[in-house]
Amino acid sequence: MSWEILMAQELKKRDNKPSSVWNIGDVISPVMNIDPENGKVTYDGPLVISCCGGEVMLRKDRLLQFPTEGRYHAGQKVALLGDMFGGGPGSQRILILGVVTGAV
């Protein structure tokens, strides 16, 4: 057998720690701007959420949200649901559950 196959078999034998199904993420983009003259709110930038201690950046193509009309902005903490490191069908699609406050 080739070394790649032997190494893959060894890695499968190990007790790999499963990834968490839920996470807390920090919304880092878009930035919310409020016009002081008329109070109009605008958002600058695409939706980007940082999680896993800043090691993972989730962009809109990997995120699902319900209801779809909600708007998240920089400075918020959000609850995330999904297996971002899985290889199965539907994995790496993360559902934004909503804004959390006082989360541990």
PDB file of N, CA and C in Angstrom:
ATOM      1  N   MET A   1       0.834  -1.194   0.000  1.00  0.00           N
ATOM      2  CA  MET A   1       0.000   0.000   0.000  1.00  0.00           C
ATOM      3  C   MET A   1       0.875   1.253   0.000  1.00  0.00           C
ATOM      4  N   SER A   2       0.350   2.299  -0.580  1.00  0.00           N
ATOM      5  CA  SER A   2       1.098   3.556  -0.614  1.00  0.00           C
ATOM      6  C   SER A   2       1.042   4.233   0.762  1.00  0.00           C
ATOM      7  N   TRP A   3       1.983   5.118   0.998  1.00  0.00           N
ATOM      8  CA  TRP A   3       2.069   5.781   2.290  1.00  0.00           C
ATOM      9  C   TRP A   3       0.839   6.630   2.580  1.00  0.00           C
ATOM     10  N   GLU A   4       0.182   7.194   1.542  1.00  0.00           N
ATOM     11  CA  GLU A   4      -1.002   8.017   1.759  1.00  0.00           C
ATOM     12  C   GLU A   4      -2.147   7.200   2.348  1.00  0.00           C
ATOM     13  N   ILE A   5      -2.309   5.983   1.842  1.00  0.00           N
ATOM     14  CA  ILE A   5      -3.382   5.118   2.334  1.00  0.00           C
ATOM     15  C   ILE A   5      -3.089   4.670   3.755  1.00  0.00           C
ATOM     16  N   LEU A   6      -1.838   4.313   4.033  1.00  0.00           N
ATOM     17  CA  LEU A   6      -1.463   3.909   5.387  1.00  0.00           C
ATOM     18  C   LEU A   6      -1.663   5.049   6.389  1.00  0.00           C
ATOM     19  N   MET A   7      -1.316   6.238   5.983  1.00  0.00           N
ATOM     20  CA  MET A   7      -1.492   7.382   6.880  1.00  0.00           C
ATOM     21  C   MET A   7      -2.972   7.662   7.122  1.00  0.00           C
ATOM     22  N   ALA A   8      -3.783   7.578   6.081  1.00  0.00           N
ATOM     23  CA  ALA A   8      -5.221   7.788   6.234  1.00  0.00           C
ATOM     24  C   ALA A   8      -5.825   6.749   7.177  1.00  0.00           C
ATOM     25  N   GLN A   9      -5.367   5.500   7.091  1.00  0.00           N
ATOM     26  CA  GLN A   9      -5.869   4.457   7.987  1.00  0.00           C
ATOM     27  C   GLN A   9      -5.472   4.739   9.428  1.00  0.00           C
ATOM     28  N   GLU A  10      -4.258   5.216   9.648  1.00  0.00           N
ATOM     29  CA  GLU A  10      -3.815   5.551  11.000  1.00  0.00           C
ATOM     30  C   GLU A  10      -4.629   6.699  11.581  1.00  0.00           C
ATOM     31  N   LEU A  11      -4.909   7.702  10.772  1.00  0.00           N
ATOM     32  CA  LEU A  11      -5.691   8.842  11.254  1.00  0.00           C
ATOM     33  C   LEU A  11      -7.113   8.425  11.617  1.00  0.00           C
ATOM     34  N   LYS A  12      -7.689   7.492  10.875  1.00  0.00           N
ATOM     35  CA  LYS A  12      -9.038   7.016  11.181  1.00  0.00           C
ATOM     36  C   LYS A  12      -9.080   6.257  12.498  1.00  0.00           C
ATOM     37  N   LYS A  13      -7.979   5.616  12.887  1.00  0.00           N
ATOM     38  CA  LYS A  13      -7.921   4.850  14.132  1.00  0.00           C
ATOM     39  C   LYS A  13      -7.926   5.754  15.363  1.00  0.00           C
ATOM     40  N   ARG A  14      -7.449   6.956  15.216  1.00  0.00           N
ATOM     41  CA  ARG A  14      -7.321   7.857  16.365  1.00  0.00           C
ATOM     42  C   ARG A  14      -8.683   8.309  16.856  1.00  0.00           C
ATOM     43  N   ASP A  15      -8.704   8.680  18.116  1.00  0.00           N
ATOM     44  CA  ASP A  15      -9.935   9.172  18.731  1.00  0.00           C
ATOM     45  C   ASP A  15     -10.048  10.662  18.443  1.00  0.00           C
ATOM     46  N   ASN A  16     -10.534  10.986  17.263  1.00  0.00           N
ATOM     47  CA  ASN A  16     -10.648  12.382  16.862  1.00  0.00           C
ATOM     48  C   ASN A  16     -11.805  13.044  17.587  1.00  0.00           C
ATOM     49  N   LYS A  17     -11.525  14.211  18.110  1.00  0.00           N
ATOM     50  CA  LYS A  17     -12.533  14.973  18.834  1.00  0.00           C
ATOM     51  C   LYS A  17     -13.558  15.517  17.844  1.00  0.00           C
ATOM     52  N   PRO A  18     -14.850  15.220  18.059  1.00  0.00           N
ATOM     53  CA  PRO A  18     -15.860  15.752  17.132  1.00  0.00           C
ATOM     54  C   PRO A  18     -16.001  17.264  17.302  1.00  0.00           C
ATOM     55  N   SER A  19     -16.353  17.917  16.228  1.00  0.00           N
ATOM     56  CA  SER A  19     -16.552  19.357  16.316  1.00  0.00           C
ATOM     57  C   SER A  19     -17.910  19.645  16.940  1.00  0.00           C
ATOM     58  N   SER A  20     -17.979  20.778  17.589  1.00  0.00           N
ATOM     59  CA  SER A  20     -19.212  21.186  18.253  1.00  0.00           C
ATOM     60  C   SER A  20     -20.295  21.475  17.218  1.00  0.00           C
ATOM     61  N   VAL A  21     -21.534  21.153  17.576  1.00  0.00           N
ATOM     62  CA  VAL A  21     -22.643  21.407  16.664  1.00  0.00           C
ATOM     63  C   VAL A  21     -23.071  22.871  16.748  1.00  0.00           C
ATOM     64  N   TRP A  22     -22.845  23.501  17.879  1.00  0.00           N
ATOM     65  CA  TRP A  22     -23.206  24.910  18.015  1.00  0.00           C
ATOM     66  C   TRP A  22     -21.976  25.710  18.409  1.00  0.00           C
ATOM     67  N   ASN A  23     -21.972  26.962  18.045  1.00  0.00           N
ATOM     68  CA  ASN A  23     -20.879  27.883  18.348  1.00  0.00           C
ATOM     69  C   ASN A  23     -21.434  29.276  18.559  1.00  0.00           C
ATOM     70  N   ILE A  24     -20.623  30.114  19.153  1.00  0.00           N
ATOM     71  CA  ILE A  24     -20.919  31.539  19.253  1.00  0.00           C
ATOM     72  C   ILE A  24     -19.962  32.244  18.295  1.00  0.00           C
ATOM     73  N   GLY A  25     -20.497  33.157  17.501  1.00  0.00           N
ATOM     74  CA  GLY A  25     -19.669  33.887  16.551  1.00  0.00           C
ATOM     75  C   GLY A  25     -19.788  35.385  16.737  1.00  0.00           C
ATOM     76  N   ASP A  26     -18.777  36.098  16.306  1.00  0.00           N
ATOM     77  CA  ASP A  26     -18.764  37.558  16.345  1.00  0.00           C
ATOM     78  C   ASP A  26     -18.964  38.085  14.938  1.00  0.00           C
ATOM     79  N   VAL A  27     -19.976  38.908  14.763  1.00  0.00           N
ATOM     80  CA  VAL A  27     -20.199  39.526  13.450  1.00  0.00           C
ATOM     81  C   VAL A  27     -19.155  40.627  13.294  1.00  0.00           C
ATOM     82  N   ILE A  28     -18.345  40.528  12.242  1.00  0.00           N
ATOM     83  CA  ILE A  28     -17.312  41.548  12.012  1.00  0.00           C
ATOM     84  C   ILE A  28     -17.633  42.434  10.809  1.00  0.00           C
ATOM     85  N   SER A  29     -18.620  42.033  10.038  1.00  0.00           N
ATOM     86  CA  SER A  29     -19.038  42.815   8.885  1.00  0.00           C
ATOM     87  C   SER A  29     -20.468  42.405   8.562  1.00  0.00           C
ATOM     88  N   PRO A  30     -21.327  43.265   8.120  1.00  0.00           N
ATOM     89  CA  PRO A  30     -21.154  44.645   7.695  1.00  0.00           C
ATOM     90  C   PRO A  30     -21.133  45.611   8.886  1.00  0.00           C
ATOM     91  N   VAL A  31     -20.627  46.799   8.614  1.00  0.00           N
ATOM     92  CA  VAL A  31     -20.599  47.861   9.611  1.00  0.00           C
ATOM     93  C   VAL A  31     -21.854  48.705   9.432  1.00  0.00           C
ATOM     94  N   MET A  32     -22.566  48.932  10.548  1.00  0.00           N
ATOM     95  CA  MET A  32     -23.788  49.730  10.494  1.00  0.00           C
ATOM     96  C   MET A  32     -23.430  51.213  10.635  1.00  0.00           C
ATOM     97  N   ASN A  33     -23.949  52.030   9.722  1.00  0.00           N
ATOM     98  CA  ASN A  33     -23.747  53.480   9.763  1.00  0.00           C
ATOM     99  C   ASN A  33     -25.100  54.165   9.858  1.00  0.00           C
ATOM    100  N   ILE A  34     -25.174  55.169  10.730  1.00  0.00           N
ATOM    101  CA  ILE A  34     -26.406  55.953  10.880  1.00  0.00           C
ATOM    102  C   ILE A  34     -26.090  57.388  10.483  1.00  0.00           C
ATOM    103  N   ASP A  35     -26.822  57.896   9.503  1.00  0.00           N
ATOM    104  CA  ASP A  35     -26.647  59.276   9.048  1.00  0.00           C
ATOM    105  C   ASP A  35     -27.196  60.208  10.125  1.00  0.00           C
ATOM    106  N   PRO A  36     -26.351  61.087  10.684  1.00  0.00           N
ATOM    107  CA  PRO A  36     -26.816  61.965  11.761  1.00  0.00           C
ATOM    108  C   PRO A  36     -27.869  62.985  11.326  1.00  0.00           C
ATOM    109  N   GLU A  37     -27.921  63.285  10.043  1.00  0.00           N
ATOM    110  CA  GLU A  37     -28.872  64.282   9.566  1.00  0.00           C
ATOM    111  C   GLU A  37     -30.292  63.738   9.473  1.00  0.00           C
ATOM    112  N   ASN A  38     -30.434  62.555   8.875  1.00  0.00           N
ATOM    113  CA  ASN A  38     -31.793  62.042   8.669  1.00  0.00           C
ATOM    114  C   ASN A  38     -32.055  60.717   9.395  1.00  0.00           C
ATOM    115  N   GLY A  39     -31.039  60.158  10.070  1.00  0.00           N
ATOM    116  CA  GLY A  39     -31.229  58.915  10.817  1.00  0.00           C
ATOM    117  C   GLY A  39     -31.288  57.664   9.956  1.00  0.00           C
ATOM    118  N   LYS A  40     -30.981  57.810   8.666  1.00  0.00           N
ATOM    119  CA  LYS A  40     -31.023  56.659   7.769  1.00  0.00           C
ATOM    120  C   LYS A  40     -29.896  55.679   8.106  1.00  0.00           C
ATOM    121  N   VAL A  41     -30.241  54.391   8.163  1.00  0.00           N
ATOM    122  CA  VAL A  41     -29.277  53.343   8.490  1.00  0.00           C
ATOM    123  C   VAL A  41     -28.804  52.666   7.206  1.00  0.00           C
ATOM    124  N   THR A  42     -27.486  52.551   7.059  1.00  0.00           N
ATOM    125  CA  THR A  42     -26.904  51.823   5.931  1.00  0.00           C
ATOM    126  C   THR A  42     -25.894  50.811   6.471  1.00  0.00           C
ATOM    127  N   TYR A  43     -25.615  49.801   5.670  1.00  0.00           N
ATOM    128  CA  TYR A  43     -24.669  48.754   6.047  1.00  0.00           C
ATOM    129  C   TYR A  43     -23.578  48.675   4.993  1.00  0.00           C
ATOM    130  N   ASP A  44     -22.321  48.701   5.443  1.00  0.00           N
ATOM    131  CA  ASP A  44     -21.183  48.642   4.527  1.00  0.00           C
ATOM    132  C   ASP A  44     -20.460  47.315   4.688  1.00  0.00           C
ATOM    133  N   GLY A  45     -20.373  46.558   3.586  1.00  0.00           N
ATOM    134  CA  GLY A  45     -19.624  45.317   3.574  1.00  0.00           C
ATOM    135  C   GLY A  45     -20.514  44.091   3.543  1.00  0.00           C
ATOM    136  N   PRO A  46     -19.919  42.948   3.200  1.00  0.00           N
ATOM    137  CA  PRO A  46     -20.663  41.687   3.159  1.00  0.00           C
ATOM    138  C   PRO A  46     -20.787  41.102   4.563  1.00  0.00           C
ATOM    139  N   LEU A  47     -21.682  40.144   4.739  1.00  0.00           N
ATOM    140  CA  LEU A  47     -21.841  39.462   6.018  1.00  0.00           C
ATOM    141  C   LEU A  47     -20.660  38.521   6.237  1.00  0.00           C
ATOM    142  N   VAL A  48     -19.916  38.748   7.327  1.00  0.00           N
ATOM    143  CA  VAL A  48     -18.793  37.899   7.719  1.00  0.00           C
ATOM    144  C   VAL A  48     -18.881  37.686   9.224  1.00  0.00           C
ATOM    145  N   ILE A  49     -18.814  36.417   9.645  1.00  0.00           N
ATOM    146  CA  ILE A  49     -18.871  36.070  11.063  1.00  0.00           C
ATOM    147  C   ILE A  49     -17.610  35.302  11.426  1.00  0.00           C
ATOM    148  N   SER A  50     -16.958  35.738  12.499  1.00  0.00           N
ATOM    149  CA  SER A  50     -15.756  35.094  12.999  1.00  0.00           C
ATOM    150  C   SER A  50     -16.138  34.146  14.134  1.00  0.00           C
ATOM    151  N   CYS A  51     -15.590  32.915  14.111  1.00  0.00           N
ATOM    152  CA  CYS A  51     -15.857  31.978  15.211  1.00  0.00           C
ATOM    153  C   CYS A  51     -14.622  31.109  15.447  1.00  0.00           C
ATOM    154  N   CYS A  52     -14.714  30.248  16.441  1.00  0.00           N
ATOM    155  CA  CYS A  52     -13.594  29.358  16.816  1.00  0.00           C
ATOM    156  C   CYS A  52     -12.348  30.176  17.156  1.00  0.00           C
ATOM    157  N   GLY A  53     -12.543  31.221  17.948  1.00  0.00           N
ATOM    158  CA  GLY A  53     -11.413  32.041  18.368  1.00  0.00           C
ATOM    159  C   GLY A  53     -10.773  32.827  17.242  1.00  0.00           C
ATOM    160  N   GLY A  54     -11.528  33.130  16.209  1.00  0.00           N
ATOM    161  CA  GLY A  54     -11.006  33.888  15.081  1.00  0.00           C
ATOM    162  C   GLY A  54     -10.345  33.032  14.019  1.00  0.00           C
ATOM    163  N   GLU A  55     -10.336  31.716  14.213  1.00  0.00           N
ATOM    164  CA  GLU A  55      -9.698  30.828  13.244  1.00  0.00           C
ATOM    165  C   GLU A  55     -10.564  30.552  12.025  1.00  0.00           C
ATOM    166  N   VAL A  56     -11.879  30.759  12.144  1.00  0.00           N
ATOM    167  CA  VAL A  56     -12.801  30.491  11.038  1.00  0.00           C
ATOM    168  C   VAL A  56     -13.573  31.765  10.728  1.00  0.00           C
ATOM    169  N   MET A  57     -13.593  32.120   9.455  1.00  0.00           N
ATOM    170  CA  MET A  57     -14.379  33.258   8.980  1.00  0.00           C
ATOM    171  C   MET A  57     -15.473  32.711   8.077  1.00  0.00           C
ATOM    172  N   LEU A  58     -16.717  32.894   8.488  1.00  0.00           N
ATOM    173  CA  LEU A  58     -17.855  32.406   7.714  1.00  0.00           C
ATOM    174  C   LEU A  58     -18.407  33.546   6.873  1.00  0.00           C
ATOM    175  N   ARG A  59     -18.554  33.290   5.589  1.00  0.00           N
ATOM    176  CA  ARG A  59     -19.112  34.286   4.681  1.00  0.00           C
ATOM    177  C   ARG A  59     -20.518  33.868   4.275  1.00  0.00           C
ATOM    178  N   LYS A  60     -21.207  34.752   3.608  1.00  0.00           N
ATOM    179  CA  LYS A  60     -22.618  34.564   3.285  1.00  0.00           C
ATOM    180  C   LYS A  60     -22.900  33.249   2.558  1.00  0.00           C
ATOM    181  N   ASP A  61     -21.978  32.764   1.723  1.00  0.00           N
ATOM    182  CA  ASP A  61     -22.238  31.532   0.972  1.00  0.00           C
ATOM    183  C   ASP A  61     -22.290  30.299   1.873  1.00  0.00           C
ATOM    184  N   ARG A  62     -21.815  30.377   3.103  1.00  0.00           N
ATOM    185  CA  ARG A  62     -21.856  29.260   4.050  1.00  0.00           C
ATOM    186  C   ARG A  62     -22.899  29.460   5.143  1.00  0.00           C
ATOM    187  N   LEU A  63     -23.598  30.585   5.108  1.00  0.00           N
ATOM    188  CA  LEU A  63     -24.529  30.921   6.187  1.00  0.00           C
ATOM    189  C   LEU A  63     -25.979  30.849   5.733  1.00  0.00           C
ATOM    190  N   LEU A  64     -26.809  30.358   6.616  1.00  0.00           N
ATOM    191  CA  LEU A  64     -28.253  30.355   6.420  1.00  0.00           C
ATOM    192  C   LEU A  64     -28.864  31.141   7.567  1.00  0.00           C
ATOM    193  N   GLN A  65     -29.926  31.854   7.300  1.00  0.00           N
ATOM    194  CA  GLN A  65     -30.589  32.559   8.389  1.00  0.00           C
ATOM    195  C   GLN A  65     -32.093  32.524   8.204  1.00  0.00           C
ATOM    196  N   PHE A  66     -32.770  32.488   9.325  1.00  0.00           N
ATOM    197  CA  PHE A  66     -34.226  32.504   9.331  1.00  0.00           C
ATOM    198  C   PHE A  66     -34.681  33.375  10.475  1.00  0.00           C
ATOM    199  N   PRO A  67     -35.472  34.347  10.304  1.00  0.00           N
ATOM    200  CA  PRO A  67     -36.058  34.798   9.041  1.00  0.00           C
ATOM    201  C   PRO A  67     -35.003  35.495   8.189  1.00  0.00           C
ATOM    202  N   THR A  68     -35.238  35.492   6.901  1.00  0.00           N
ATOM    203  CA  THR A  68     -34.247  36.029   5.968  1.00  0.00           C
ATOM    204  C   THR A  68     -34.178  37.549   5.970  1.00  0.00           C
ATOM    205  N   GLU A  69     -35.187  38.221   6.535  1.00  0.00           N
ATOM    206  CA  GLU A  69     -35.162  39.687   6.497  1.00  0.00           C
ATOM    207  C   GLU A  69     -34.367  40.298   7.650  1.00  0.00           C
ATOM    208  N   GLY A  70     -33.864  39.491   8.575  1.00  0.00           N
ATOM    209  CA  GLY A  70     -33.067  40.017   9.679  1.00  0.00           C
ATOM    210  C   GLY A  70     -31.732  40.552   9.189  1.00  0.00           C
ATOM    211  N   ARG A  71     -31.222  41.560   9.851  1.00  0.00           N
ATOM    212  CA  ARG A  71     -29.942  42.148   9.437  1.00  0.00           C
ATOM    213  C   ARG A  71     -28.984  42.120  10.615  1.00  0.00           C
ATOM    214  N   TYR A  72     -27.841  41.496  10.431  1.00  0.00           N
ATOM    215  CA  TYR A  72     -26.815  41.451  11.461  1.00  0.00           C
ATOM    216  C   TYR A  72     -25.736  42.460  11.104  1.00  0.00           C
ATOM    217  N   HIS A  73     -25.046  42.977  12.139  1.00  0.00           N
ATOM    218  CA  HIS A  73     -24.004  43.966  11.884  1.00  0.00           C
ATOM    219  C   HIS A  73     -22.863  43.808  12.872  1.00  0.00           C
ATOM    220  N   ALA A  74     -21.735  44.421  12.564  1.00  0.00           N
ATOM    221  CA  ALA A  74     -20.522  44.319  13.368  1.00  0.00           C
ATOM    222  C   ALA A  74     -20.806  44.672  14.823  1.00  0.00           C
ATOM    223  N   GLY A  75     -20.192  43.897  15.719  1.00  0.00           N
ATOM    224  CA  GLY A  75     -20.355  44.125  17.154  1.00  0.00           C
ATOM    225  C   GLY A  75     -21.335  43.173  17.814  1.00  0.00           C
ATOM    226  N   GLN A  76     -22.127  42.464  17.041  1.00  0.00           N
ATOM    227  CA  GLN A  76     -23.089  41.529  17.612  1.00  0.00           C
ATOM    228  C   GLN A  76     -22.457  40.153  17.794  1.00  0.00           C
ATOM    229  N   LYS A  77     -22.948  39.425  18.799  1.00  0.00           N
ATOM    230  CA  LYS A  77     -22.599  38.013  18.979  1.00  0.00           C
ATOM    231  C   LYS A  77     -23.812  37.212  18.547  1.00  0.00           C
ATOM    232  N   VAL A  78     -23.572  36.157  17.762  1.00  0.00           N
ATOM    233  CA  VAL A  78     -24.674  35.345  17.258  1.00  0.00           C
ATOM    234  C   VAL A  78     -24.443  33.879  17.601  1.00  0.00           C
ATOM    235  N   ALA A  79     -25.541  33.149  17.779  1.00  0.00           N
ATOM    236  CA  ALA A  79     -25.496  31.709  17.983  1.00  0.00           C
ATOM    237  C   ALA A  79     -25.527  31.043  16.613  1.00  0.00           C
ATOM    238  N   LEU A  80     -24.653  30.061  16.422  1.00  0.00           N
ATOM    239  CA  LEU A  80     -24.518  29.356  15.149  1.00  0.00           C
ATOM    240  C   LEU A  80     -24.779  27.875  15.357  1.00  0.00           C
ATOM    241  N   LEU A  81     -25.458  27.255  14.414  1.00  0.00           N
ATOM    242  CA  LEU A  81     -25.769  25.837  14.494  1.00  0.00           C
ATOM    243  C   LEU A  81     -25.328  25.147  13.219  1.00  0.00           C
ATOM    244  N   GLY A  82     -24.524  24.086  13.349  1.00  0.00           N
ATOM    245  CA  GLY A  82     -24.077  23.323  12.187  1.00  0.00           C
ATOM    246  C   GLY A  82     -22.677  22.781  12.376  1.00  0.00           C
ATOM    247  N   ASP A  83     -22.335  21.791  11.582  1.00  0.00           N
ATOM    248  CA  ASP A  83     -21.025  21.157  11.655  1.00  0.00           C
ATOM    249  C   ASP A  83     -20.122  21.769  10.594  1.00  0.00           C
ATOM    250  N   MET A  84     -19.312  22.743  10.998  1.00  0.00           N
ATOM    251  CA  MET A  84     -18.502  23.453  10.017  1.00  0.00           C
ATOM    252  C   MET A  84     -17.276  22.679   9.561  1.00  0.00           C
ATOM    253  N   PHE A  85     -16.937  21.569  10.227  1.00  0.00           N
ATOM    254  CA  PHE A  85     -15.781  20.782   9.814  1.00  0.00           C
ATOM    255  C   PHE A  85     -16.173  19.423   9.262  1.00  0.00           C
ATOM    256  N   GLY A  86     -17.461  19.158   9.143  1.00  0.00           N
ATOM    257  CA  GLY A  86     -17.930  17.867   8.655  1.00  0.00           C
ATOM    258  C   GLY A  86     -17.748  17.720   7.154  1.00  0.00           C
ATOM    259  N   GLY A  87     -17.782  16.474   6.714  1.00  0.00           N
ATOM    260  CA  GLY A  87     -17.620  16.214   5.294  1.00  0.00           C
ATOM    261  C   GLY A  87     -18.861  15.627   4.660  1.00  0.00           C
ATOM    262  N   GLY A  88     -19.920  15.442   5.448  1.00  0.00           N
ATOM    263  CA  GLY A  88     -21.135  14.838   4.928  1.00  0.00           C
ATOM    264  C   GLY A  88     -22.017  15.821   4.192  1.00  0.00           C
ATOM    265  N   PRO A  89     -23.104  15.311   3.600  1.00  0.00           N
ATOM    266  CA  PRO A  89     -24.026  16.185   2.882  1.00  0.00           C
ATOM    267  C   PRO A  89     -24.633  17.226   3.827  1.00  0.00           C
ATOM    268  N   GLY A  90     -24.675  18.446   3.385  1.00  0.00           N
ATOM    269  CA  GLY A  90     -25.265  19.515   4.180  1.00  0.00           C
ATOM    270  C   GLY A  90     -24.353  20.090   5.242  1.00  0.00           C
ATOM    271  N   SER A  91     -23.181  19.496   5.413  1.00  0.00           N
ATOM    272  CA  SER A  91     -22.266  20.064   6.396  1.00  0.00           C
ATOM    273  C   SER A  91     -21.642  21.322   5.806  1.00  0.00           C
ATOM    274  N   GLN A  92     -21.014  22.047   6.643  1.00  0.00           N
ATOM    275  CA  GLN A  92     -20.390  23.313   6.282  1.00  0.00           C
ATOM    276  C   GLN A  92     -21.399  24.356   5.837  1.00  0.00           C
ATOM    277  N   ARG A  93     -22.652  24.136   6.162  1.00  0.00           N
ATOM    278  CA  ARG A  93     -23.691  25.164   6.002  1.00  0.00           C
ATOM    279  C   ARG A  93     -24.147  25.475   7.412  1.00  0.00           C
ATOM    280  N   ILE A  94     -24.013  26.702   7.823  1.00  0.00           N
ATOM    281  CA  ILE A  94     -24.226  27.094   9.209  1.00  0.00           C
ATOM    282  C   ILE A  94     -25.470  27.967   9.309  1.00  0.00           C
ATOM    283  N   LEU A  95     -26.349  27.610  10.241  1.00  0.00           N
ATOM    284  CA  LEU A  95     -27.578  28.367  10.478  1.00  0.00           C
ATOM    285  C   LEU A  95     -27.332  29.389  11.575  1.00  0.00           C
ATOM    286  N   ILE A  96     -27.646  30.637  11.300  1.00  0.00           N
ATOM    287  CA  ILE A  96     -27.580  31.687  12.318  1.00  0.00           C
ATOM    288  C   ILE A  96     -28.883  31.626  13.101  1.00  0.00           C
ATOM    289  N   LEU A  97     -28.787  31.288  14.395  1.00  0.00           N
ATOM    290  CA  LEU A  97     -29.979  31.199  15.219  1.00  0.00           C
ATOM    291  C   LEU A  97     -30.480  32.561  15.676  1.00  0.00           C
ATOM    292  N   GLY A  98     -29.577  33.489  15.836  1.00  0.00           N
ATOM    293  CA  GLY A  98     -29.965  34.835  16.241  1.00  0.00           C
ATOM    294  C   GLY A  98     -28.920  35.464  17.127  1.00  0.00           C
ATOM    295  N   VAL A  99     -29.171  36.694  17.524  1.00  0.00           N
ATOM    296  CA  VAL A  99     -28.265  37.453  18.358  1.00  0.00           C
ATOM    297  C   VAL A  99     -28.383  36.954  19.790  1.00  0.00           C
ATOM    298  N   VAL A 100     -27.252  36.779  20.451  1.00  0.00           N
ATOM    299  CA  VAL A 100     -27.241  36.349  21.845  1.00  0.00           C
ATOM    300  C   VAL A 100     -26.595  37.441  22.689  1.00  0.00           C
ATOM    301  N   THR A 101     -27.089  37.579  23.904  1.00  0.00           N
ATOM    302  CA  THR A 101     -26.490  38.509  24.854  1.00  0.00           C
ATOM    303  C   THR A 101     -26.272  37.772  26.148  1.00  0.00           C
ATOM    304  N   GLY A 102     -25.213  38.089  26.829  1.00  0.00           N
ATOM    305  CA  GLY A 102     -24.906  37.447  28.093  1.00  0.00           C
ATOM    306  C   GLY A 102     -24.565  35.976  27.957  1.00  0.00           C
ATOM    307  N   ALA A 103     -24.094  35.564  26.775  1.00  0.00           N
ATOM    308  CA  ALA A 103     -23.744  34.156  26.550  1.00  0.00           C
ATOM    309  C   ALA A 103     -22.437  33.838  27.242  1.00  0.00           C
ATOM    310  N   VAL A 104     -22.348  32.634  27.763  1.00  0.00           N
ATOM    311  CA  VAL A 104     -21.117  32.199  28.432  1.00  0.00           C
ATOM    312  C   VAL A 104     -20.271  31.457  27.436  1.00  0.00           C
TER     313      VAL A 104
END
